[in-house]
């Protein structure tokens, strides 16, 4: 890519037109000494009119100076900026400016330009828009030396990670894993803590320094917990994590859980698990869900962890049944949920602006309506449509009242609902005092009306009636247990105790 440059003499006389090539050639210097330089890279750097190096901190640069090469480096930018991202952007900015103003230049980087080199990635992204040609001259990568020094074949499964942007949950323990950019003890400590999320503390890892560099290479194998105690970390240091199929490593992975459930349902698995169906599991799903809710009510987080696992087991079993039938698998469930969460949160993953919780709920309903329309599903005929019939009665009452309130069918103030509760209580008392064959049916109906009115008041006051009743249940259990304990201490049973004594203990429990 070229541009025209007009040349003018000292007295303002026009001399001519010079064509300037706008090109950045990136050459890889290899991972170590001059033996790591390819002929193509060496030819690029030795013939360069303008040679710039990302850093002078590399084993080959001293030899390059001995060969009479002059160059500039960007080492000063590492001191001027606090974050690597800022350094790499500043380098890319300067290279683009120089190529635009001065013409062709050569930029040399350690290793291979396309392996763990952020500045080159930025140039790939920005050069086309700037009208600058980008030429990549490959070099030997540090990976080539690592494969030899550590003795593994990447074709068996290989993963490369950057210690400065480390995401341990993305690691696959079945792979050979190399973590680069472990340039000091602090970074090594971060890597250690991240790996401990996936591996046991005593899992053996390997630290490699200057692999393939004669006289400088050093390899140490240490348990993971000692990783940051190894000395000598620098720009040519990396960490190798060998692959494993150990259960204590994979036990935290979703894939392992999926494999366990599939095994339980297989012909070689558990007879009980094999015979389960969606219908037979239904009661367990409900039971495990309520047990999880109980741990939340009790603020028992250790128990909650276990109970959430039991709920997850139910989900996995239902998904496994359908996977065996060929309908869907648990990964389809995850994909559908992920897509739905992104789609229904345009204020988080899109450009929609919301003002508060009510706006969020409105946005959610709008997206749901569009989904139904896109799927060709007619709008529900009733405002109350879509409320699951299997909900517990308190929750279903709240859901129906909320739906009705959205179209204006609601009270204007809590005092009005309190009056309605009094009215329903009077009607219940009338039924209680009545007689006849329909007395029981009337009591059932009036009790339902009374409870529905109480739920309405709770909803209006933004009190979750389920939560309120659960709190009262816990309070009752605590006070009744106090009565039982007092009777036990006095050597009495309930048969030997009157209501007056029990009431006295109840009042004591209230004060305690």
Protein backbone atom coordinates (compact mmCIF):
# COMPACT_ATOMS: atom_id res chain seq x y z
CA UNK A 1 0.00 0.00 0.00
CA UNK A 2 1.51 3.31 -1.06
CA UNK A 3 0.86 7.02 -0.74
CA UNK A 4 2.28 10.05 -2.61
CA UNK A 5 4.79 12.27 -0.82
CA UNK A 6 5.70 15.62 -2.41
CA UNK A 7 9.32 16.69 -2.03
CA UNK A 8 10.16 20.44 -2.02
CA UNK A 9 13.62 21.94 -2.09
CA UNK A 10 15.11 24.53 0.30
CA UNK A 11 13.94 27.51 -1.76
CA UNK A 12 10.45 26.13 -2.17
CA UNK A 13 11.17 24.64 -5.56
CA UNK A 14 9.18 21.50 -6.36
CA UNK A 15 11.53 18.54 -6.84
CA UNK A 16 9.30 15.54 -7.48
CA UNK A 17 7.00 12.89 -6.13
CA UNK A 18 8.16 10.00 -3.97
CA UNK A 19 6.05 6.90 -3.44
CA UNK A 20 6.03 5.73 0.21
CA UNK A 21 5.18 2.12 1.05
CA UNK A 22 2.92 1.83 4.08
CA UNK A 23 3.84 -1.58 5.40
CA UNK A 24 4.58 -3.18 8.75
CA UNK A 25 6.56 -6.41 8.61
CA UNK A 26 6.40 -8.39 11.84
CA UNK A 27 9.25 -10.85 12.37
CA UNK A 28 9.51 -13.50 15.05
CA UNK A 29 12.83 -13.66 16.90
CA UNK A 30 12.31 -17.17 18.19
CA UNK A 31 12.27 -18.32 21.82
CA UNK A 32 15.97 -18.05 22.65
CA UNK A 33 19.36 -17.53 21.03
CA UNK A 34 20.29 -17.09 17.36
CA UNK A 35 19.65 -20.78 16.65
CA UNK A 36 15.95 -20.01 17.04
CA UNK A 37 15.94 -17.42 14.24
CA UNK A 38 14.53 -18.57 10.92
CA UNK A 39 16.27 -17.43 7.74
CA UNK A 40 13.20 -15.41 6.78
CA UNK A 41 13.08 -13.57 10.11
CA UNK A 42 16.82 -12.91 10.10
CA UNK A 43 16.64 -11.55 6.56
CA UNK A 44 13.76 -9.23 7.56
CA UNK A 45 15.53 -7.73 10.59
CA UNK A 46 19.02 -7.40 9.09
CA UNK A 47 17.77 -5.55 5.98
CA UNK A 48 15.31 -3.30 7.81
CA UNK A 49 15.73 0.46 7.44
CA UNK A 50 13.64 0.99 10.57
CA UNK A 51 13.78 -1.85 13.07
CA UNK A 52 11.68 -1.74 16.23
CA UNK A 53 11.62 -4.39 18.96
CA UNK A 54 8.84 -4.89 21.45
CA UNK A 55 11.48 -5.53 24.10
CA UNK A 56 15.24 -5.75 24.46
CA UNK A 57 14.80 -8.36 27.19
CA UNK A 58 15.38 -11.39 24.98
CA UNK A 59 18.34 -13.80 24.61
CA UNK A 60 18.89 -13.03 20.93
CA UNK A 61 19.18 -9.22 21.13
CA UNK A 62 22.78 -9.18 22.45
CA UNK A 63 23.84 -11.29 19.44
CA UNK A 64 21.94 -8.97 17.10
CA UNK A 65 23.91 -6.01 18.44
CA UNK A 66 27.14 -7.94 17.89
CA UNK A 67 26.10 -8.28 14.26
CA UNK A 68 25.88 -4.50 14.04
CA UNK A 69 22.09 -4.17 13.97
CA UNK A 70 20.64 -0.91 15.26
CA UNK A 71 17.11 -0.86 16.61
CA UNK A 72 14.68 0.89 18.91
CA UNK A 73 12.62 -0.82 21.61
CA UNK A 74 9.32 -0.16 23.36
CA UNK A 75 10.63 -1.06 26.80
CA UNK A 76 10.00 2.48 28.08
CA UNK A 77 6.26 1.99 27.55
CA UNK A 78 6.22 -0.81 30.13
CA UNK A 79 7.32 1.74 32.73
CA UNK A 80 4.92 4.43 31.51
CA UNK A 81 1.76 2.31 31.69
CA UNK A 82 0.34 0.32 34.57
CA UNK A 83 -1.50 -2.38 32.58
CA UNK A 84 -0.27 -4.64 29.79
CA UNK A 85 -3.34 -3.82 27.72
CA UNK A 86 -2.33 -0.14 27.80
CA UNK A 87 1.26 -1.00 26.80
CA UNK A 88 0.14 -3.11 23.84
CA UNK A 89 -2.28 -0.45 22.63
CA UNK A 90 0.42 2.23 22.90
CA UNK A 91 2.83 0.08 20.85
CA UNK A 92 0.20 -0.54 18.17
CA UNK A 93 -0.65 3.20 18.07
CA UNK A 94 3.00 4.12 17.55
CA UNK A 95 3.58 1.48 14.87
CA UNK A 96 0.53 2.64 12.91
CA UNK A 97 1.62 6.28 13.21
CA UNK A 98 5.15 5.52 12.03
CA UNK A 99 3.98 3.41 9.11
CA UNK A 100 1.64 6.20 8.04
CA UNK A 101 4.18 9.01 8.37
CA UNK A 102 7.52 7.31 7.65
CA UNK A 103 6.66 4.32 5.49
CA UNK A 104 7.87 0.73 5.70
CA UNK A 105 9.20 -0.63 8.98
CA UNK A 106 10.04 -3.95 10.64
CA UNK A 107 8.67 -4.82 14.06
CA UNK A 108 10.33 -7.80 15.81
CA UNK A 109 8.78 -9.75 18.66
CA UNK A 110 9.91 -12.72 20.77
CA UNK A 111 8.88 -16.17 19.61
CA UNK A 112 6.33 -16.46 16.81
CA UNK A 113 4.30 -13.33 15.95
CA UNK A 114 1.02 -15.27 15.99
CA UNK A 115 1.52 -17.04 19.34
CA UNK A 116 0.62 -15.15 22.54
CA UNK A 117 1.48 -11.78 20.96
CA UNK A 118 -1.21 -9.19 21.74
CA UNK A 119 0.39 -6.35 19.79
CA UNK A 120 0.22 -8.39 16.58
CA UNK A 121 -3.43 -9.18 17.22
CA UNK A 122 -4.10 -5.44 17.48
CA UNK A 123 -2.23 -4.79 14.24
CA UNK A 124 -4.25 -7.47 12.45
CA UNK A 125 -7.39 -5.71 13.59
CA UNK A 126 -6.38 -2.13 12.83
CA UNK A 127 -4.04 -2.19 9.81
CA UNK A 128 -6.72 -2.75 7.13
CA UNK A 129 -8.74 0.29 8.26
CA UNK A 130 -5.55 2.40 8.33
CA UNK A 131 -4.60 1.34 4.80
CA UNK A 132 -1.39 -0.31 5.99
CA UNK A 133 -0.15 -3.63 4.65
CA UNK A 134 0.72 -6.16 7.36
CA UNK A 135 3.25 -8.91 6.62
CA UNK A 136 3.93 -11.69 9.12
CA UNK A 137 7.28 -13.49 9.02
CA UNK A 138 7.03 -16.48 11.31
CA UNK A 139 9.63 -17.65 13.77
CA UNK A 140 10.18 -20.58 16.06
CA UNK A 141 7.73 -20.40 18.95
CA UNK A 142 8.43 -21.09 22.61
CA UNK A 143 5.84 -23.83 22.17
CA UNK A 144 8.21 -25.79 19.94
CA UNK A 145 10.83 -25.78 22.66
CA UNK A 146 8.25 -26.62 25.33
CA UNK A 147 6.95 -29.67 23.44
CA UNK A 148 10.51 -31.01 23.25
CA UNK A 149 11.66 -30.08 26.77
CA UNK A 150 8.49 -31.30 28.51
CA UNK A 151 8.09 -34.36 26.30
CA UNK A 152 4.46 -34.36 25.16
CA UNK A 153 2.60 -34.40 21.86
CA UNK A 154 0.06 -31.56 21.52
CA UNK A 155 -2.01 -33.77 19.23
CA UNK A 156 -3.04 -35.70 22.35
CA UNK A 157 -4.94 -32.60 23.49
CA UNK A 158 -3.37 -29.25 24.23
CA UNK A 159 -4.45 -25.94 25.75
CA UNK A 160 -2.52 -22.65 25.99
CA UNK A 161 -3.44 -20.08 28.65
CA UNK A 162 -2.18 -16.59 29.48
CA UNK A 163 -1.34 -16.06 33.14
CA UNK A 164 -2.20 -12.36 32.90
CA UNK A 165 -5.77 -13.18 31.84
CA UNK A 166 -6.24 -16.49 33.59
CA UNK A 167 -9.64 -18.24 33.63
CA UNK A 168 -9.19 -21.58 35.44
CA UNK A 169 -12.74 -22.78 34.74
CA UNK A 170 -11.95 -22.79 31.03
CA UNK A 171 -9.24 -25.40 31.52
CA UNK A 172 -9.84 -28.98 30.45
CA UNK A 173 -7.92 -31.31 32.80
CA UNK A 174 -7.82 -34.00 30.08
CA UNK A 175 -5.48 -31.72 28.09
CA UNK A 176 -1.80 -30.87 28.34
CA UNK A 177 -1.92 -27.28 29.61
CA UNK A 178 0.77 -24.62 29.21
CA UNK A 179 0.41 -21.33 31.05
CA UNK A 180 2.63 -18.59 29.69
CA UNK A 181 3.47 -15.03 30.85
CA UNK A 182 4.33 -16.25 34.38
CA UNK A 183 6.90 -13.49 34.67
CA UNK A 184 7.14 -13.08 38.46
CA UNK A 185 6.18 -14.60 41.81
CA UNK A 186 2.99 -12.57 42.14
CA UNK A 187 1.66 -13.87 38.83
CA UNK A 188 2.72 -17.38 39.84
CA UNK A 189 0.71 -16.98 43.04
CA UNK A 190 -2.39 -15.97 41.06
CA UNK A 191 -1.92 -18.99 38.80
CA UNK A 192 -1.55 -21.28 41.81
CA UNK A 193 -4.78 -20.04 43.41
CA UNK A 194 -6.61 -20.37 40.10
CA UNK A 195 -5.38 -23.91 39.50
CA UNK A 196 -6.41 -24.89 43.04
CA UNK A 197 -10.02 -24.33 41.91
CA UNK A 198 -9.61 -27.32 39.59
CA UNK A 199 -6.75 -29.42 40.98
CA UNK A 200 -5.77 -30.83 44.41
CA UNK A 201 -3.20 -28.82 46.35
CA UNK A 202 -0.60 -31.56 45.96
CA UNK A 203 -1.07 -32.03 42.20
CA UNK A 204 2.36 -32.01 40.51
CA UNK A 205 3.05 -29.24 38.01
CA UNK A 206 6.19 -28.25 36.13
CA UNK A 207 7.85 -24.83 35.99
CA UNK A 208 9.99 -24.19 32.93
CA UNK A 209 12.46 -21.31 32.62
CA UNK A 210 14.12 -20.34 29.30
CA UNK A 211 13.29 -23.65 27.67
CA UNK A 212 15.73 -24.48 24.89
CA UNK A 213 18.13 -21.64 25.75
CA UNK A 214 21.60 -23.11 26.24
CA UNK A 215 22.95 -22.55 29.74
CA UNK A 216 19.71 -20.96 30.98
CA UNK A 217 17.09 -23.71 30.73
CA UNK A 218 15.76 -24.89 34.08
CA UNK A 219 12.90 -27.30 34.75
CA UNK A 220 11.39 -27.91 38.21
CA UNK A 221 8.56 -30.24 39.20
CA UNK A 222 6.71 -29.18 42.34
CA UNK A 223 3.37 -29.80 44.08
CA UNK A 224 0.87 -27.12 43.18
CA UNK A 225 0.91 -25.52 46.63
CA UNK A 226 4.64 -24.73 46.20
CA UNK A 227 4.30 -23.18 42.73
CA UNK A 228 4.92 -19.58 43.80
CA UNK A 229 7.87 -20.60 45.99
CA UNK A 230 9.96 -21.49 42.96
CA UNK A 231 12.51 -18.77 42.25
CA UNK A 232 13.71 -17.32 38.98
CA UNK A 233 10.46 -16.35 37.29
CA UNK A 234 10.95 -14.07 34.30
CA UNK A 235 9.76 -13.30 30.78
CA UNK A 236 10.74 -16.80 29.59
CA UNK A 237 8.93 -18.72 32.36
CA UNK A 238 5.89 -20.95 31.99
CA UNK A 239 3.92 -23.54 33.93
CA UNK A 240 2.99 -26.96 32.58
CA UNK A 241 -0.01 -28.85 33.99
CA UNK A 242 -0.09 -32.48 32.83
CA UNK A 243 -3.36 -34.17 31.82
CA UNK A 244 -5.18 -36.48 34.18
CA UNK A 245 -8.32 -38.59 34.49
CA UNK A 246 -8.23 -38.60 38.31
CA UNK A 247 -11.71 -38.43 39.83
CA UNK A 248 -10.62 -35.88 42.45
CA UNK A 249 -9.73 -33.51 39.59
CA UNK A 250 -12.78 -34.06 37.41
CA UNK A 251 -15.30 -34.24 40.25
CA UNK A 252 -15.89 -30.48 39.97
CA UNK A 253 -16.62 -30.57 36.24
CA UNK A 254 -20.09 -30.66 34.74
CA UNK A 255 -18.96 -33.26 32.22
CA UNK A 256 -18.08 -35.65 35.06
CA UNK A 257 -21.55 -35.23 36.60
CA UNK A 258 -23.15 -35.88 33.23
CA UNK A 259 -21.09 -39.06 32.84
CA UNK A 260 -22.07 -40.26 36.33
CA UNK A 261 -25.80 -39.82 35.66
CA UNK A 262 -25.47 -41.56 32.28
CA UNK A 263 -23.69 -44.47 34.01
CA UNK A 264 -26.42 -44.74 36.65
CA UNK A 265 -29.05 -45.00 33.91
CA UNK A 266 -27.04 -47.44 31.78
CA UNK A 267 -27.57 -51.23 31.69
CA UNK A 268 -24.51 -51.53 33.94
CA UNK A 269 -25.84 -48.88 36.32
CA UNK A 270 -28.30 -48.79 39.20
CA UNK A 271 -31.60 -50.75 38.90
CA UNK A 272 -33.51 -48.02 40.77
CA UNK A 273 -32.22 -45.20 38.54
CA UNK A 274 -32.88 -47.22 35.38
CA UNK A 275 -36.57 -47.72 36.13
CA UNK A 276 -37.35 -44.07 36.89
CA UNK A 277 -39.63 -42.01 34.64
CA UNK A 278 -40.65 -38.35 34.63
CA UNK A 279 -43.80 -39.24 36.56
CA UNK A 280 -42.07 -41.44 39.13
CA UNK A 281 -39.49 -38.71 39.79
CA UNK A 282 -42.09 -35.97 40.18
CA UNK A 283 -42.59 -36.43 43.93
CA UNK A 284 -38.83 -36.43 44.53
CA UNK A 285 -38.45 -33.19 42.56
CA UNK A 286 -41.04 -31.51 44.78
CA UNK A 287 -39.57 -33.00 47.95
CA UNK A 288 -35.99 -31.95 47.16
CA UNK A 289 -37.12 -28.44 46.22
CA UNK A 290 -38.89 -27.97 49.53
CA UNK A 291 -35.91 -29.35 51.44
CA UNK A 292 -33.73 -26.76 49.71
CA UNK A 293 -36.22 -24.04 50.66
CA UNK A 294 -36.06 -25.20 54.27
CA UNK A 295 -32.29 -24.70 54.38
CA UNK A 296 -32.81 -21.16 53.06
CA UNK A 297 -35.38 -20.52 55.79
CA UNK A 298 -32.92 -21.87 58.35
CA UNK A 299 -30.06 -19.80 56.89
CA UNK A 300 -28.00 -23.01 56.77
CA UNK A 301 -25.67 -22.54 53.81
CA UNK A 302 -23.79 -25.82 54.28
CA UNK A 303 -27.07 -27.71 54.10
CA UNK A 304 -28.18 -25.55 51.16
CA UNK A 305 -25.13 -26.67 49.18
CA UNK A 306 -26.15 -30.32 49.65
CA UNK A 307 -29.83 -29.70 48.94
CA UNK A 308 -29.08 -27.76 45.76
CA UNK A 309 -27.09 -30.79 44.66
CA UNK A 310 -30.17 -32.95 45.24
CA UNK A 311 -32.29 -30.55 43.14
CA UNK A 312 -29.64 -30.62 40.41
CA UNK A 313 -29.74 -34.43 40.50
CA UNK A 314 -33.44 -34.32 39.67
CA UNK A 315 -32.79 -32.00 36.71
CA UNK A 316 -29.98 -34.25 35.48
CA UNK A 317 -32.16 -37.38 35.70
CA UNK A 318 -35.03 -35.79 33.78
CA UNK A 319 -32.62 -34.55 31.08
CA UNK A 320 -30.91 -37.96 30.89
CA UNK A 321 -34.24 -39.70 30.31
CA UNK A 322 -34.84 -37.45 27.30
CA UNK A 323 -31.27 -37.84 26.06
CA UNK A 324 -31.84 -41.60 25.96
CA UNK A 325 -35.08 -40.98 24.06
CA UNK A 326 -33.23 -38.77 21.57
CA UNK A 327 -35.29 -35.64 22.25
CA UNK A 328 -32.78 -33.38 23.99
CA UNK A 329 -29.93 -33.54 26.49
CA UNK A 330 -28.85 -31.43 29.44
CA UNK A 331 -26.60 -29.31 27.20
CA UNK A 332 -29.68 -28.35 25.17
CA UNK A 333 -31.29 -27.31 28.45
CA UNK A 334 -28.26 -25.16 29.30
CA UNK A 335 -28.16 -23.64 25.81
CA UNK A 336 -31.86 -22.78 25.93
CA UNK A 337 -31.51 -21.18 29.36
CA UNK A 338 -28.43 -19.16 28.36
CA UNK A 339 -30.12 -17.86 25.21
CA UNK A 340 -33.28 -17.00 27.14
CA UNK A 341 -31.39 -15.09 29.85
CA UNK A 342 -29.52 -13.02 27.27
CA UNK A 343 -32.68 -12.42 25.23
CA UNK A 344 -34.78 -11.39 28.23
CA UNK A 345 -32.13 -9.08 29.68
CA UNK A 346 -31.57 -6.58 26.84
CA UNK A 347 -30.76 -3.99 29.53
CA UNK A 348 -27.72 -6.09 30.47
CA UNK A 349 -26.66 -7.69 27.17
CA UNK A 350 -28.10 -5.09 24.80
CA UNK A 351 -28.74 -1.36 24.55
CA UNK A 352 -32.07 -1.12 26.38
CA UNK A 353 -32.15 1.29 29.34
CA UNK A 354 -34.27 0.57 32.41
CA UNK A 355 -35.02 2.74 35.42
CA UNK A 356 -35.70 0.14 38.09
CA UNK A 357 -37.17 -3.23 39.01
CA UNK A 358 -40.61 -2.44 37.57
CA UNK A 359 -39.05 -1.52 34.23
CA UNK A 360 -37.12 -4.80 34.28
CA UNK A 361 -40.33 -6.78 34.81
CA UNK A 362 -42.06 -4.88 32.01
CA UNK A 363 -39.14 -5.55 29.67
CA UNK A 364 -39.24 -9.24 30.60
CA UNK A 365 -42.94 -9.49 29.77
CA UNK A 366 -42.47 -7.57 26.49
CA UNK A 367 -39.73 -9.98 25.39
CA UNK A 368 -41.90 -12.97 26.36
CA UNK A 369 -44.74 -11.57 24.24
CA UNK A 370 -42.42 -11.16 21.25
CA UNK A 371 -41.18 -14.72 21.72
CA UNK A 372 -44.75 -16.03 21.63
CA UNK A 373 -45.47 -13.96 18.54
CA UNK A 374 -42.31 -15.21 16.78
CA UNK A 375 -43.24 -18.79 17.64
CA UNK A 376 -46.74 -18.30 16.22
CA UNK A 377 -48.39 -18.76 19.60
CA UNK A 378 -51.63 -16.84 19.99
CA UNK A 379 -51.92 -14.41 22.87
CA UNK A 380 -53.56 -16.08 25.89
CA UNK A 381 -57.33 -15.64 26.05
CA UNK A 382 -57.24 -14.96 29.79
CA UNK A 383 -55.10 -12.59 31.81
CA UNK A 384 -54.61 -15.47 34.25
CA UNK A 385 -53.25 -17.84 31.59
CA UNK A 386 -49.72 -19.10 32.09
CA UNK A 387 -49.91 -19.55 35.86
CA UNK A 388 -48.90 -23.18 36.55
CA UNK A 389 -51.70 -25.18 38.11
CA UNK A 390 -49.20 -27.14 40.19
CA UNK A 391 -48.04 -24.13 42.20
CA UNK A 392 -48.63 -24.25 45.96
CA UNK A 393 -51.90 -22.49 46.75
CA UNK A 394 -50.33 -19.46 48.44
CA UNK A 395 -48.00 -18.86 45.50
CA UNK A 396 -50.79 -19.38 42.98
CA UNK A 397 -53.01 -16.89 44.82
CA UNK A 398 -50.25 -14.26 44.73
CA UNK A 399 -49.61 -14.91 41.03
CA UNK A 400 -53.30 -14.53 40.11
CA UNK A 401 -53.68 -11.36 42.15
CA UNK A 402 -50.60 -9.82 40.53
CA UNK A 403 -51.91 -10.58 37.06
CA UNK A 404 -55.30 -9.07 37.88
CA UNK A 405 -53.66 -6.00 39.41
CA UNK A 406 -51.84 -5.28 36.13
CA UNK A 407 -55.16 -4.50 34.44
CA UNK A 408 -56.40 -2.37 37.32
CA UNK A 409 -58.35 -5.01 39.23
CA UNK A 410 -56.84 -4.15 42.60
CA UNK A 411 -57.37 -2.28 45.84
CA UNK A 412 -56.24 1.31 46.20
CA UNK A 413 -55.02 1.11 49.81
CA UNK A 414 -54.33 -1.57 52.46
CA UNK A 415 -57.17 -0.36 54.69
CA UNK A 416 -59.69 -1.47 52.08
CA UNK A 417 -58.23 -4.98 52.06
CA UNK A 418 -58.25 -5.07 55.88
CA UNK A 419 -61.97 -4.28 55.67
CA UNK A 420 -62.41 -7.14 53.21
CA UNK A 421 -60.63 -9.49 55.64
CA UNK A 422 -63.06 -8.45 58.40
CA UNK A 423 -65.97 -9.09 56.04
CA UNK A 424 -64.70 -12.56 55.14
CA UNK A 425 -64.06 -13.32 58.83
CA UNK A 426 -67.69 -12.43 59.66
CA UNK A 427 -68.94 -14.69 56.86
CA UNK A 428 -66.75 -17.50 58.17
CA UNK A 429 -68.11 -16.98 61.70
CA UNK A 430 -71.67 -17.13 60.34
CA UNK A 431 -70.88 -20.43 58.62
CA UNK A 432 -69.27 -21.69 61.81
CA UNK A 433 -72.41 -20.89 63.78
CA UNK A 434 -74.68 -22.40 61.16
CA UNK A 435 -75.94 -25.91 60.70
CA UNK A 436 -77.26 -28.13 57.98
CA UNK A 437 -75.85 -30.56 55.45
CA UNK A 438 -73.87 -27.86 53.62
CA UNK A 439 -72.11 -26.53 56.75
CA UNK A 440 -68.76 -28.22 56.02
CA UNK A 441 -68.81 -27.08 52.40
CA UNK A 442 -69.58 -23.50 53.47
CA UNK A 443 -66.77 -23.54 56.06
CA UNK A 444 -64.31 -24.75 53.42
CA UNK A 445 -65.41 -22.01 51.01
CA UNK A 446 -65.38 -19.21 53.58
CA UNK A 447 -61.99 -20.27 54.95
CA UNK A 448 -60.62 -20.13 51.41
CA UNK A 449 -62.06 -16.64 50.91
CA UNK A 450 -60.56 -15.49 54.20
CA UNK A 451 -57.11 -16.85 53.33
CA UNK A 452 -57.30 -15.33 49.84
CA UNK A 453 -58.06 -11.91 51.33
CA UNK A 454 -55.14 -12.22 53.77
CA UNK A 455 -52.84 -13.15 50.87
CA UNK A 456 -54.09 -10.09 48.99
CA UNK A 457 -53.14 -7.80 51.87
CA UNK A 458 -49.69 -9.40 52.10
CA UNK A 459 -49.16 -8.93 48.36
CA UNK A 460 -50.29 -5.31 48.50
CA UNK A 461 -47.80 -4.64 51.31
CA UNK A 462 -45.07 -6.45 49.32
CA UNK A 463 -44.88 -9.20 51.94
CA UNK A 464 -44.34 -12.71 50.60
CA UNK A 465 -47.09 -14.71 52.35
CA UNK A 466 -45.14 -17.95 51.92
CA UNK A 467 -42.12 -16.38 53.59
CA UNK A 468 -44.25 -14.85 56.34
CA UNK A 469 -46.00 -18.13 57.10
CA UNK A 470 -42.70 -20.03 57.00
CA UNK A 471 -41.28 -17.61 59.58
CA UNK A 472 -44.32 -18.14 61.80
CA UNK A 473 -44.00 -21.92 61.42
CA UNK A 474 -40.38 -21.74 62.57
CA UNK A 475 -41.36 -19.50 65.47
CA UNK A 476 -44.12 -21.91 66.49
CA UNK A 477 -41.79 -24.91 66.29
CA UNK A 478 -39.19 -23.15 68.44
CA UNK A 479 -41.71 -22.21 71.15
CA UNK A 480 -43.43 -25.59 71.12
CA UNK A 481 -40.06 -27.30 71.43
CA UNK A 482 -39.43 -25.09 74.47
CA UNK A 483 -42.65 -26.43 76.03
CA UNK A 484 -41.54 -30.00 75.33
CA UNK A 485 -38.16 -29.35 76.93
CA UNK A 486 -39.72 -27.80 80.04
CA UNK A 487 -42.04 -30.77 80.45
CA UNK A 488 -39.12 -33.15 80.05
CA UNK A 489 -37.18 -31.32 82.79
CA UNK A 490 -40.15 -31.60 85.17
CA UNK A 491 -40.67 -35.26 84.32
CA UNK A 492 -44.15 -34.71 82.89
CA UNK A 493 -45.92 -35.76 79.71
CA UNK A 494 -48.57 -33.84 77.78
CA UNK A 495 -51.19 -36.15 79.27
CA UNK A 496 -50.19 -34.92 82.74
CA UNK A 497 -50.21 -31.24 81.78
CA UNK A 498 -53.06 -28.75 81.48
CA UNK A 499 -53.41 -25.95 78.95
CA UNK A 500 -52.69 -23.34 81.64
CA UNK A 501 -49.24 -24.77 82.33
CA UNK A 502 -48.46 -25.09 78.63
CA UNK A 503 -49.57 -21.49 78.07
CA UNK A 504 -47.23 -20.37 80.85
CA UNK A 505 -44.31 -22.10 79.16
CA UNK A 506 -45.38 -20.60 75.83
CA UNK A 507 -45.19 -17.09 77.28
CA UNK A 508 -41.75 -17.91 78.72
CA UNK A 509 -40.64 -19.01 75.27
CA UNK A 510 -41.86 -15.72 73.80
CA UNK A 511 -39.75 -13.79 76.29
CA UNK A 512 -36.63 -15.92 75.80
